[in-house]
Amino acid sequence: MKILTAIGALLIAATSYSAQISMEKVGHFQGAPIGAGGPIDIVDFYNNTLFVANGTNTDIQKPSLDIVKVDGLKNKEKEFNLSKRVDIQKFIGTTEEVSDLTCIKVSPNGKFLALSVALNPTTENGYIVITSLEGDYIAHYKVGALPDNLAITPDSLKVIVANEGEPGKGLKVDPEGSVSILDLSKGLDKGRVIEVKIDEALIKGELKANLDEYVKAAPHKPTYSQALEPEYITIDEAGKFAYVSFQEDSAIGQIDIEAGKFVWIESMGVKDHSKPENSFAIGKNSPNLVTGNVFGMYQPDGIKVINQNNSTYLITANEGDARDYGKGLFVEDDSTIGKLLEAGKKINVPVTEDMKNLKISKFRGLNEKGEYDKLYSFGARSFSIFKVEDGGVKLVFDSGNQLEEITKKYLPQYFNSSNTNIKPYSRNNSKGPEPEDVEIGTIDGRTFAFVGLERIGGVVTFDITDATKPEFAGFFSGRDYSEDVKGDVGIEGLKFVASEKSPTGKPLLISSNEISNSIAIYELKVSK
């Protein structure tokens, strides 16, 4: 079994953190060979079974639902084989081509699977596919363009999917971003799809200003509905509201599920990297965390909702993402601050030598003269907690520079390496460790947030029993750093399994890994 990095006590910037969680790798599934053109996107778990969204798309293997029985965990088995592979194309027919299987979820009542399926080209409207837990076809329903993440209401009666609607065909086609609600109350094969359009009347304030910058810069002059690209969905425990992340525009929206419409869409604000607690590693070949006159856009990928003390909180993994629609068409992040200065661009804020190495948005922060009054970088290199209030969200916690401080302290030789190489500092100039997903789990009465790092690898755990005062609880990595790509690399999704639902009788954390095309199963133990 691979030796796992498990971090104990931590002292950062004279602040003491207590380590509460240890982790041991107890299971593994290889969904496709490394480099086979995956990825392994999302994994779900039910009744001692893994359900894997396998996006591998090659001449030999097509996007599939992989079903893997892991009952053997209770007998200390560690390597698991495929139980059943279901080609998604056969559900769609021969007139449309499947491009990717982007997400999979088990219904809370354990009666069905919901799969989000993107077509080729991805500008075409995709599908939600409903199957049994054995992978047998029940029905499929047309939704919006490029369906991405999906979620199911607690009563298992509605499936909600974020339709990203990215542009294609040389920007000649740009579908509107949207959300689809599949109502299954009359039966799994008698569903009804409700399209939730983006209400442009809700676009105002800081979000409107951000969108206006993009619309002005984009050659095809998109509408707000085309500009906003829903990325991720999470549903509150009452099943009343869904929350949607719009990653590229660093925004969050709330949907009234019963009414089938957006209540509000708001900007998340920005992170001020000139503050010491928000320092980041941006220098060329440098391990140093520094401050700079830069604003980080939160731009979360994975988000989760929790309720504490009659308040609703959103937990966000602030990965960052730039608009890249093809060289010569529109690429937002192909320039560093240094390159802009070399090209004669005027920047009206002090620029340090370290800052010159950092990629920024080319079209944000410009004044009427085309000069940069502000500089905006991608992602926040952190996880955050926002309190939901009437009309939007309020930041109550951000992990600041902790993710980079933690990985720097315990993986100094590989600090800010990427998921395709172990060269240190290679991600300094672009989003750092890239927190990709966040999962929530309760163990022995305490609530934890597990934050998966896509690039350097590993999971950083925080105790969020009090969502306003998170505390570091541990850091783990299942990656083997002896080679560029070895072990479990490129965390894409996380799934927590409570002890009462685990074959080992202990809580589990399962990670899907898009670079190694693998699933890793970890057993968790909380110190008393």
Protein backbone atom coordinates (compact mmCIF):
# COMPACT_ATOMS: atom_id res chain seq x y z
CA MET A 1 0.00 0.00 0.00
CA LYS A 2 1.27 3.46 -0.91
CA ILE A 3 2.57 5.46 2.01
CA LEU A 4 0.21 8.39 2.49
CA THR A 5 1.29 11.83 3.55
CA ALA A 6 -0.63 12.54 6.77
CA ILE A 7 0.07 15.85 8.43
CA GLY A 8 -0.07 16.35 12.16
CA ALA A 9 0.32 19.52 14.18
CA LEU A 10 0.78 22.70 12.18
CA LEU A 11 2.12 26.12 13.10
CA ILE A 12 1.58 28.88 10.56
CA ALA A 13 2.25 32.57 11.10
CA ALA A 14 2.30 32.08 14.91
CA THR A 15 -1.18 30.51 14.77
CA SER A 16 -1.58 27.01 16.19
CA TYR A 17 -3.74 24.46 14.34
CA SER A 18 -4.77 21.10 15.81
CA ALA A 19 -4.76 17.98 13.63
CA GLN A 20 -7.90 15.92 14.20
CA ILE A 21 -8.09 13.56 11.23
CA SER A 22 -5.84 10.77 10.02
CA MET A 23 -6.43 8.92 6.77
CA GLU A 24 -5.44 5.57 5.30
CA LYS A 25 -5.87 4.45 1.72
CA VAL A 26 -7.95 1.27 1.77
CA GLY A 27 -9.22 0.90 -1.80
CA HIS A 28 -8.48 1.67 -5.45
CA PHE A 29 -10.13 1.36 -8.87
CA GLN A 30 -8.40 2.07 -12.17
CA GLY A 31 -11.05 3.32 -14.60
CA ALA A 32 -8.75 3.65 -17.61
CA PRO A 33 -5.00 3.59 -18.27
CA ILE A 34 -3.12 6.74 -17.34
CA GLY A 35 -3.05 8.99 -20.39
CA ALA A 36 -5.99 7.21 -22.02
CA GLY A 37 -7.86 10.42 -22.65
CA GLY A 38 -10.22 10.44 -19.68
CA PRO A 39 -11.16 11.92 -17.41
CA ILE A 40 -12.68 10.10 -14.47
CA ASP A 41 -14.94 12.97 -13.43
CA ILE A 42 -17.31 12.26 -10.56
CA VAL A 43 -17.97 9.34 -8.25
CA ASP A 44 -20.96 8.52 -6.07
CA PHE A 45 -21.47 5.72 -3.54
CA TYR A 46 -24.42 3.65 -2.38
CA ASN A 47 -24.86 0.22 -0.82
CA ASN A 48 -21.16 -0.73 -1.02
CA THR A 49 -20.99 0.26 -4.68
CA LEU A 50 -19.09 2.94 -6.58
CA PHE A 51 -20.85 4.68 -9.45
CA VAL A 52 -18.28 6.38 -11.67
CA ALA A 53 -18.75 8.95 -14.42
CA ASN A 54 -16.02 7.74 -16.78
CA GLY A 55 -15.50 10.31 -19.50
CA THR A 56 -12.79 8.37 -21.31
CA ASN A 57 -13.41 8.88 -25.03
CA THR A 58 -11.06 6.93 -27.31
CA ASP A 59 -11.36 4.52 -30.23
CA ILE A 60 -11.37 1.69 -27.69
CA GLN A 61 -13.41 3.15 -24.84
CA LYS A 62 -16.33 5.58 -24.90
CA PRO A 63 -17.96 7.62 -22.10
CA SER A 64 -19.46 5.13 -19.69
CA LEU A 65 -21.16 4.52 -16.39
CA ASP A 66 -18.79 2.29 -14.42
CA ILE A 67 -20.23 0.23 -11.57
CA VAL A 68 -17.75 -1.15 -9.06
CA LYS A 69 -18.70 -3.38 -6.10
CA VAL A 70 -16.48 -2.72 -3.08
CA ASP A 71 -17.97 -5.11 -0.48
CA GLY A 72 -14.46 -6.53 -0.17
CA LEU A 73 -13.36 -3.47 1.80
CA LYS A 74 -14.64 -5.20 4.93
CA ASN A 75 -12.23 -8.07 4.18
CA LYS A 76 -9.28 -5.71 3.67
CA GLU A 77 -9.35 -6.05 -0.12
CA LYS A 78 -7.68 -3.01 -1.69
CA GLU A 79 -7.78 -3.33 -5.48
CA PHE A 80 -11.20 -3.47 -7.11
CA ASN A 81 -12.22 -4.40 -10.62
CA LEU A 82 -15.02 -3.26 -12.86
CA SER A 83 -18.34 -4.95 -12.09
CA LYS A 84 -20.22 -3.48 -15.05
CA ARG A 85 -19.53 -0.87 -17.74
CA VAL A 86 -22.44 0.78 -19.53
CA ASP A 87 -21.80 2.65 -22.80
CA ILE A 88 -23.83 5.86 -22.55
CA GLN A 89 -24.14 6.19 -26.32
CA LYS A 90 -26.65 3.33 -26.49
CA PHE A 91 -29.07 5.34 -24.33
CA ILE A 92 -29.00 8.30 -26.71
CA GLY A 93 -29.26 6.50 -30.04
CA THR A 94 -27.29 6.83 -33.26
CA THR A 95 -28.39 10.25 -34.51
CA GLU A 96 -26.51 12.18 -31.81
CA GLU A 97 -22.96 11.65 -30.57
CA VAL A 98 -22.07 11.60 -26.88
CA SER A 99 -19.11 13.83 -26.04
CA ASP A 100 -18.83 13.33 -22.28
CA LEU A 101 -20.49 11.95 -19.18
CA THR A 102 -20.03 14.92 -16.87
CA CYS A 103 -21.74 13.91 -13.62
CA ILE A 104 -23.53 11.07 -11.85
CA LYS A 105 -25.64 11.02 -8.69
CA VAL A 106 -27.52 8.36 -6.75
CA SER A 107 -30.99 9.47 -5.69
CA PRO A 108 -31.37 9.93 -1.92
CA ASN A 109 -33.99 7.17 -1.84
CA GLY A 110 -31.61 4.77 -3.60
CA LYS A 111 -34.05 4.08 -6.45
CA PHE A 112 -32.21 5.48 -9.49
CA LEU A 113 -29.13 7.10 -10.98
CA ALA A 114 -29.13 10.49 -12.73
CA LEU A 115 -26.42 11.15 -15.33
CA SER A 116 -25.63 14.39 -17.16
CA VAL A 117 -24.55 13.82 -20.75
CA ALA A 118 -22.95 16.35 -23.10
CA LEU A 119 -23.14 15.93 -26.88
CA ASN A 120 -20.74 16.62 -29.73
CA PRO A 121 -20.66 19.49 -30.47
CA THR A 122 -21.10 20.66 -26.90
CA THR A 123 -23.16 23.61 -28.10
CA GLU A 124 -26.02 21.16 -28.71
CA ASN A 125 -28.55 20.55 -25.95
CA GLY A 126 -27.54 17.57 -23.83
CA TYR A 127 -29.43 15.09 -21.69
CA ILE A 128 -30.22 13.86 -18.22
CA VAL A 129 -30.31 10.06 -18.34
CA ILE A 130 -32.14 8.08 -15.67
CA THR A 131 -31.12 4.47 -15.01
CA SER A 132 -31.57 1.86 -12.33
CA LEU A 133 -28.74 1.24 -9.87
CA GLU A 134 -27.80 -1.71 -12.07
CA GLY A 135 -27.31 0.67 -15.00
CA ASP A 136 -30.46 -0.37 -16.85
CA TYR A 137 -32.06 2.33 -18.98
CA ILE A 138 -35.25 4.01 -17.74
CA ALA A 139 -35.50 7.32 -19.63
CA HIS A 140 -33.59 10.29 -20.99
CA TYR A 141 -34.61 13.94 -21.14
CA LYS A 142 -33.33 16.84 -23.23
CA VAL A 143 -31.89 19.74 -21.22
CA GLY A 144 -29.64 22.73 -22.04
CA ALA A 145 -26.28 22.94 -23.77
CA LEU A 146 -23.30 21.30 -22.08
CA PRO A 147 -24.99 19.95 -18.92
CA ASP A 148 -22.33 19.81 -16.23
CA ASN A 149 -22.92 19.19 -12.53
CA LEU A 150 -26.26 17.93 -11.25
CA ALA A 151 -27.99 17.44 -7.89
CA ILE A 152 -31.13 15.68 -6.66
CA THR A 153 -33.62 17.06 -4.16
CA PRO A 154 -33.86 15.26 -0.77
CA ASP A 155 -37.26 13.78 -1.69
CA SER A 156 -35.78 12.33 -4.91
CA LEU A 157 -38.52 13.99 -6.98
CA LYS A 158 -36.42 16.53 -8.88
CA VAL A 159 -33.07 16.42 -10.65
CA ILE A 160 -31.43 19.81 -11.23
CA VAL A 161 -28.57 20.31 -13.69
CA ALA A 162 -26.33 23.28 -14.53
CA ASN A 163 -26.13 23.81 -18.29
CA GLU A 164 -22.85 25.59 -18.88
CA GLY A 165 -23.56 26.68 -22.46
CA GLU A 166 -20.01 27.45 -23.54
CA PRO A 167 -19.56 28.98 -27.01
CA GLY A 168 -18.22 26.93 -29.90
CA LYS A 169 -17.67 26.89 -33.67
CA GLY A 170 -15.36 29.87 -33.65
CA LEU A 171 -17.73 31.88 -31.43
CA LYS A 172 -20.40 31.65 -34.13
CA VAL A 173 -22.59 29.66 -31.74
CA ASP A 174 -22.96 30.67 -28.09
CA PRO A 175 -25.82 28.95 -26.23
CA GLU A 176 -27.36 30.63 -23.23
CA GLY A 177 -26.38 29.33 -19.84
CA SER A 178 -29.33 27.83 -18.01
CA VAL A 179 -30.50 25.41 -15.35
CA SER A 180 -32.89 22.51 -16.01
CA ILE A 181 -35.23 21.05 -13.39
CA LEU A 182 -36.42 17.52 -14.18
CA ASP A 183 -39.65 16.81 -12.31
CA LEU A 184 -40.07 13.05 -11.71
CA SER A 185 -43.10 13.24 -9.44
CA LYS A 186 -45.26 11.33 -11.94
CA GLY A 187 -42.70 8.58 -12.47
CA LEU A 188 -39.09 8.08 -13.56
CA ASP A 189 -40.19 7.56 -17.16
CA LYS A 190 -42.81 10.32 -17.07
CA GLY A 191 -40.60 13.27 -16.25
CA ARG A 192 -41.13 16.88 -17.21
CA VAL A 193 -38.28 19.33 -17.83
CA ILE A 194 -38.57 22.93 -16.65
CA GLU A 195 -35.99 25.30 -18.14
CA VAL A 196 -34.82 27.97 -15.72
CA LYS A 197 -33.60 30.85 -17.82
CA ILE A 198 -31.31 33.55 -16.52
CA ASP A 199 -33.43 36.58 -15.68
CA GLU A 200 -31.33 39.48 -16.97
CA ALA A 201 -33.33 41.89 -14.80
CA LEU A 202 -31.44 40.38 -11.85
CA ILE A 203 -28.08 41.41 -13.29
CA LYS A 204 -26.96 44.58 -11.56
CA GLY A 205 -24.28 46.17 -9.43
CA GLU A 206 -20.85 44.58 -9.35
CA LEU A 207 -21.94 41.56 -11.40
CA LYS A 208 -23.30 43.79 -14.18
CA ALA A 209 -20.02 45.73 -14.25
CA ASN A 210 -18.06 42.46 -14.50
CA LEU A 211 -20.24 41.15 -17.31
CA ASP A 212 -20.06 44.45 -19.17
CA GLU A 213 -16.26 44.15 -19.22
CA TYR A 214 -16.50 40.72 -20.83
CA VAL A 215 -19.22 41.70 -23.30
CA LYS A 216 -17.16 44.69 -24.39
CA ALA A 217 -14.05 42.58 -24.95
CA ALA A 218 -15.64 39.51 -26.57
CA PRO A 219 -15.70 39.71 -30.39
CA HIS A 220 -19.18 38.17 -30.66
CA LYS A 221 -20.79 40.54 -28.11
CA PRO A 222 -22.73 37.99 -26.04
CA THR A 223 -25.81 38.74 -24.00
CA TYR A 224 -25.68 38.39 -20.22
CA SER A 225 -27.47 35.05 -20.52
CA GLN A 226 -24.80 33.82 -22.92
CA ALA A 227 -21.99 35.21 -20.77
CA LEU A 228 -23.09 33.49 -17.56
CA GLU A 229 -22.08 29.82 -17.54
CA PRO A 230 -23.60 27.74 -14.69
CA GLU A 231 -20.97 25.35 -13.33
CA TYR A 232 -22.09 23.59 -10.16
CA ILE A 233 -25.35 22.91 -8.28
CA THR A 234 -26.04 22.30 -4.60
CA ILE A 235 -29.46 21.96 -2.90
CA ASP A 236 -30.37 22.89 0.68
CA GLU A 237 -31.54 20.20 3.12
CA ALA A 238 -35.15 21.36 2.89
CA GLY A 239 -35.16 21.00 -0.87
CA LYS A 240 -36.44 24.56 -1.23
CA PHE A 241 -33.50 26.36 -2.83
CA ALA A 242 -30.74 25.38 -5.23
CA TYR A 243 -27.51 27.36 -5.41
CA VAL A 244 -25.55 27.72 -8.64
CA SER A 245 -21.94 28.77 -9.17
CA PHE A 246 -21.07 30.81 -12.26
CA GLN A 247 -17.36 30.17 -12.23
CA GLU A 248 -15.89 32.46 -14.88
CA ASP A 249 -17.81 35.45 -13.55
CA SER A 250 -17.27 34.66 -9.86
CA ALA A 251 -20.96 34.73 -9.06
CA ILE A 252 -23.59 32.73 -7.16
CA GLY A 253 -27.28 32.39 -7.94
CA GLN A 254 -30.23 31.16 -5.87
CA ILE A 255 -33.10 29.26 -7.48
CA ASP A 256 -36.53 28.79 -5.95
CA ILE A 257 -37.06 25.16 -6.93
CA GLU A 258 -40.87 25.13 -6.64
CA ALA A 259 -41.24 28.37 -8.60
CA GLY A 260 -38.62 27.29 -11.14
CA LYS A 261 -36.86 30.64 -11.33
CA PHE A 262 -33.82 32.53 -10.12
CA VAL A 263 -34.37 34.62 -7.00
CA TRP A 264 -31.06 36.43 -7.25
CA ILE A 265 -27.66 36.27 -8.98
CA GLU A 266 -24.86 38.13 -7.24
CA SER A 267 -21.13 38.72 -7.51
CA MET A 268 -19.00 37.06 -4.82
CA GLY A 269 -16.69 40.05 -4.60
CA VAL A 270 -12.90 39.79 -4.83
CA LYS A 271 -9.95 38.88 -2.63
CA ASP A 272 -7.39 41.58 -1.87
CA HIS A 273 -3.91 40.07 -2.25
CA SER A 274 -2.26 43.22 -0.91
CA LYS A 275 -3.25 42.06 2.60
CA PRO A 276 -0.66 39.90 4.44
CA GLU A 277 -3.19 37.18 5.25
CA ASN A 278 -3.90 36.84 1.51
CA SER A 279 -0.29 36.58 0.36
CA PHE A 280 0.39 34.11 -2.43
CA ALA A 281 3.31 32.44 -4.22
CA ILE A 282 3.60 34.15 -7.60
CA GLY A 283 7.31 34.71 -8.16
CA LYS A 284 9.22 32.85 -10.86
CA ASN A 285 10.86 29.77 -9.31
CA SER A 286 10.20 31.14 -5.84
CA PRO A 287 8.67 29.50 -2.74
CA ASN A 288 7.96 32.86 -1.14
CA LEU A 289 4.44 34.01 -0.42
CA VAL A 290 4.19 37.72 -1.14
CA THR A 291 1.59 40.44 -1.27
CA GLY A 292 0.71 42.31 -4.44
CA ASN A 293 -1.68 44.91 -5.83
CA VAL A 294 -3.92 42.22 -7.30
CA PHE A 295 -7.51 41.20 -6.72
CA GLY A 296 -8.26 37.49 -6.88
CA MET A 297 -11.60 36.42 -8.33
CA TYR A 298 -13.03 33.59 -6.21
CA GLN A 299 -14.41 31.68 -9.24
CA PRO A 300 -15.42 28.48 -7.40
CA ASP A 301 -15.90 25.12 -9.02
CA GLY A 302 -17.36 22.85 -6.32
CA ILE A 303 -19.79 24.36 -3.82
CA LYS A 304 -21.80 22.84 -0.96
CA VAL A 305 -24.61 24.18 1.20
CA ILE A 306 -25.03 23.54 4.94
CA ASN A 307 -27.40 24.79 7.64
CA GLN A 308 -26.17 25.78 11.08
CA ASN A 309 -28.11 27.54 13.81
CA ASN A 310 -30.91 28.45 11.42
CA SER A 311 -28.47 30.05 9.00
CA THR A 312 -27.53 28.84 5.52
CA TYR A 313 -23.88 28.79 4.44
CA LEU A 314 -22.21 28.05 1.13
CA ILE A 315 -18.78 26.39 1.18
CA THR A 316 -16.79 27.13 -1.98
CA ALA A 317 -13.61 25.66 -3.51
CA ASN A 318 -12.09 28.67 -5.23
CA GLU A 319 -10.33 27.04 -8.17
CA GLY A 320 -10.41 29.85 -10.73
CA ASP A 321 -11.07 29.62 -14.44
CA ALA A 322 -10.42 31.83 -17.46
CA ARG A 323 -12.40 32.10 -20.65
CA ASP A 324 -10.49 30.33 -23.39
CA TYR A 325 -12.42 29.92 -26.62
CA GLY A 326 -9.48 29.30 -28.93
CA LYS A 327 -6.29 31.04 -29.94
CA GLY A 328 -7.02 33.91 -32.26
CA LEU A 329 -10.60 34.09 -31.02
CA PHE A 330 -10.69 34.86 -27.31
CA VAL A 331 -8.21 33.83 -24.64
CA GLU A 332 -8.41 35.67 -21.35
CA ASP A 333 -5.31 34.37 -19.58
CA ASP A 334 -2.53 34.28 -22.17
CA SER A 335 -0.64 37.24 -20.72
CA THR A 336 1.27 37.86 -17.53
CA ILE A 337 1.62 41.30 -15.99
CA GLY A 338 5.21 41.38 -17.26
CA LYS A 339 4.17 40.63 -20.84
CA LEU A 340 1.56 43.36 -20.74
CA LEU A 341 4.19 45.85 -19.62
CA GLU A 342 6.54 44.68 -22.36
CA ALA A 343 3.75 45.23 -24.87
CA GLY A 344 3.48 48.84 -23.73
CA LYS A 345 0.32 48.53 -21.66
CA LYS A 346 0.02 51.08 -18.90
CA ILE A 347 -0.66 49.76 -15.40
CA ASN A 348 -1.64 52.40 -12.86
CA VAL A 349 -0.74 50.42 -9.74
CA PRO A 350 2.72 49.59 -8.33
CA VAL A 351 4.09 46.37 -9.84
CA THR A 352 6.73 44.27 -8.07
CA GLU A 353 9.13 41.91 -9.80
CA ASP A 354 7.21 38.91 -8.46
CA MET A 355 3.94 40.26 -9.84
CA LYS A 356 5.33 40.30 -13.37
CA ASN A 357 5.17 36.49 -13.42
CA LEU A 358 1.41 36.36 -12.67
CA LYS A 359 -1.30 35.73 -15.26
CA ILE A 360 -4.19 38.15 -15.08
CA SER A 361 -7.40 38.82 -16.94
CA LYS A 362 -6.61 40.87 -20.02
CA PHE A 363 -10.00 42.61 -20.16
CA ARG A 364 -10.86 43.34 -16.51
CA GLY A 365 -9.81 46.48 -14.68
CA LEU A 366 -9.35 48.66 -17.77
CA ASN A 367 -10.33 52.33 -17.75
CA GLU A 368 -11.68 54.28 -20.72
CA LYS A 369 -8.12 54.90 -21.96
CA GLY A 370 -7.35 51.19 -22.06
CA GLU A 371 -5.08 51.45 -19.02
CA TYR A 372 -5.19 49.03 -16.10
CA ASP A 373 -6.50 50.69 -12.94
CA LYS A 374 -6.92 47.29 -11.25
CA LEU A 375 -5.43 43.83 -11.82
CA TYR A 376 -7.52 40.67 -11.48
CA SER A 377 -6.11 37.15 -11.14
CA PHE A 378 -7.88 33.82 -11.48
CA GLY A 379 -9.12 31.97 -8.41
CA ALA A 380 -8.46 32.73 -4.76
CA ARG A 381 -6.19 29.76 -3.85
CA SER A 382 -8.52 29.11 -0.93
CA PHE A 383 -11.83 27.81 0.26
CA SER A 384 -14.47 30.20 1.54
CA ILE A 385 -17.66 30.22 3.55
CA PHE A 386 -20.44 32.60 2.57
CA LYS A 387 -23.58 33.24 4.58
CA VAL A 388 -26.75 33.36 2.51
CA GLU A 389 -28.70 36.55 3.12
CA ASP A 390 -31.69 38.15 1.43
CA GLY A 391 -30.56 39.00 -2.07
CA GLY A 392 -27.10 37.47 -2.00
CA VAL A 393 -24.19 36.16 0.04
CA LYS A 394 -21.80 37.60 2.62
CA LEU A 395 -18.26 36.33 3.13
CA VAL A 396 -17.77 35.10 6.70
CA PHE A 397 -14.54 33.13 6.25
CA ASP A 398 -11.75 32.68 3.73
CA SER A 399 -8.75 30.43 4.29
CA GLY A 400 -6.45 33.21 3.07
CA ASN A 401 -2.98 31.87 2.31
CA GLN A 402 -3.36 28.69 4.36
CA LEU A 403 -3.61 26.20 1.47
CA GLU A 404 -0.29 27.34 0.05
CA GLU A 405 1.31 27.61 3.50
CA ILE A 406 0.24 24.04 4.29
CA THR A 407 1.44 22.50 1.02
CA LYS A 408 4.65 24.50 1.16
CA LYS A 409 5.43 23.28 4.68
CA TYR A 410 4.78 19.62 4.06
CA LEU A 411 5.58 19.20 0.36
CA PRO A 412 8.35 21.80 -0.09
CA GLN A 413 10.10 19.88 -2.90
CA TYR A 414 6.91 19.85 -4.94
CA PHE A 415 5.34 23.12 -3.85
CA ASN A 416 2.95 24.46 -6.49
CA SER A 417 3.78 21.67 -8.91
CA SER A 418 1.15 20.72 -11.45
CA ASN A 419 -0.80 17.49 -11.92
CA THR A 420 1.24 16.52 -14.97
CA ASN A 421 4.69 17.22 -13.53
CA ILE A 422 6.42 17.48 -10.17
CA LYS A 423 8.38 20.62 -11.06
CA PRO A 424 8.08 23.03 -8.09
CA TYR A 425 6.63 26.51 -8.61
CA SER A 426 5.21 25.64 -12.05
CA ARG A 427 1.77 26.82 -10.91
CA ASN A 428 2.96 30.00 -9.19
CA ASN A 429 1.85 32.17 -12.07
CA SER A 430 -1.58 30.58 -12.47
CA LYS A 431 -3.98 29.67 -9.63
CA GLY A 432 -1.51 27.82 -7.38
CA PRO A 433 -2.85 24.53 -5.92
CA GLU A 434 -6.33 25.00 -7.50
CA PRO A 435 -8.89 23.88 -4.91
CA GLU A 436 -11.26 21.93 -7.18
CA ASP A 437 -13.99 20.47 -5.01
CA VAL A 438 -15.25 20.55 -1.45
CA GLU A 439 -17.16 17.83 0.38
CA ILE A 440 -18.86 18.00 3.76
CA GLY A 441 -18.99 15.17 6.30
CA THR A 442 -19.96 14.71 9.95
CA ILE A 443 -17.88 12.44 12.19
CA ASP A 444 -18.51 11.96 15.92
CA GLY A 445 -20.70 15.04 16.01
CA ARG A 446 -18.19 17.31 14.29
CA THR A 447 -18.58 18.73 10.79
CA PHE A 448 -15.63 18.76 8.41
CA ALA A 449 -14.93 20.35 5.03
CA PHE A 450 -12.66 18.31 2.77
CA VAL A 451 -11.00 20.48 0.11
CA GLY A 452 -9.47 18.66 -2.87
CA LEU A 453 -6.43 20.24 -4.55
CA GLU A 454 -6.35 19.55 -8.28
CA ARG A 455 -2.76 20.46 -9.10
CA ILE A 456 -0.22 19.57 -6.40
CA GLY A 457 -2.66 17.01 -5.04
CA GLY A 458 -4.05 16.17 -1.64
CA VAL A 459 -6.99 17.01 0.57
CA VAL A 460 -6.94 19.76 3.17
CA THR A 461 -9.46 19.24 5.96
CA PHE A 462 -11.04 21.90 8.15
CA ASP A 463 -13.32 21.52 11.14
CA ILE A 464 -16.33 23.70 10.33
CA THR A 465 -18.54 22.69 13.25
CA ASP A 466 -18.75 26.45 13.72
CA ALA A 467 -18.93 27.67 10.12
CA THR A 468 -17.78 31.14 11.15
CA LYS A 469 -14.60 29.82 12.80
CA PRO A 470 -13.10 26.93 10.79
CA GLU A 471 -9.98 25.22 12.15
CA PHE A 472 -7.37 23.24 10.26
CA ALA A 473 -7.78 19.52 10.89
CA GLY A 474 -5.33 17.73 8.57
CA PHE A 475 -3.66 17.40 5.19
CA PHE A 476 -3.32 14.22 3.17
CA SER A 477 -2.02 13.27 -0.26
CA GLY A 478 -2.40 9.98 -2.10
CA ARG A 479 -0.09 11.10 -4.91
CA ASP A 480 3.28 9.41 -5.44
CA TYR A 481 5.74 12.24 -6.10
CA SER A 482 8.55 9.99 -7.30
CA GLU A 483 7.33 10.50 -10.88
CA ASP A 484 5.36 13.16 -12.74
CA VAL A 485 2.17 11.11 -12.79
CA LYS A 486 2.02 8.25 -10.32
CA GLY A 487 -0.51 7.26 -7.70
CA ASP A 488 -3.81 9.13 -7.59
CA VAL A 489 -3.38 12.43 -9.40
CA GLY A 490 -5.67 15.32 -10.35
CA ILE A 491 -8.54 15.35 -7.86
CA GLU A 492 -11.80 16.16 -9.64
CA GLY A 493 -14.48 15.13 -7.15
CA LEU A 494 -14.90 14.00 -3.54
CA LYS A 495 -17.55 11.85 -1.84
CA PHE A 496 -17.94 11.39 1.92
CA VAL A 497 -19.44 8.15 3.26
CA ALA A 498 -20.70 8.10 6.85
CA SER A 499 -19.62 5.20 9.09
CA GLU A 500 -23.13 3.67 9.19
CA LYS A 501 -23.10 3.39 5.38
CA SER A 502 -19.49 2.22 5.07
CA PRO A 503 -18.54 -1.44 4.50
CA THR A 504 -15.69 -1.01 6.99
CA GLY A 505 -17.90 0.56 9.66
CA LYS A 506 -15.70 3.65 9.57
CA PRO A 507 -16.19 6.90 7.63
CA LEU A 508 -14.71 7.05 4.13
CA LEU A 509 -13.60 9.76 1.74
CA ILE A 510 -13.57 8.81 -1.94
CA SER A 511 -11.74 10.83 -4.58
CA SER A 512 -12.06 10.72 -8.35
CA ASN A 513 -8.80 11.61 -10.08
CA GLU A 514 -8.90 12.85 -13.67
CA ILE A 515 -5.19 12.63 -14.54
CA SER A 516 -4.55 9.12 -13.19
CA ASN A 517 -8.06 8.00 -14.26
CA SER A 518 -8.51 6.38 -10.87
CA ILE A 519 -10.73 6.24 -7.81
CA ALA A 520 -9.13 6.22 -4.35
CA ILE A 521 -10.92 5.22 -1.14
CA TYR A 522 -9.63 6.53 2.18
CA GLU A 523 -10.67 5.53 5.68
CA LEU A 524 -10.91 8.40 8.15
CA LYS A 525 -10.19 8.47 11.86
CA VAL A 526 -10.79 11.42 14.15
CA SER A 527 -8.60 11.80 17.20
CA LYS A 528 -10.37 12.30 20.50
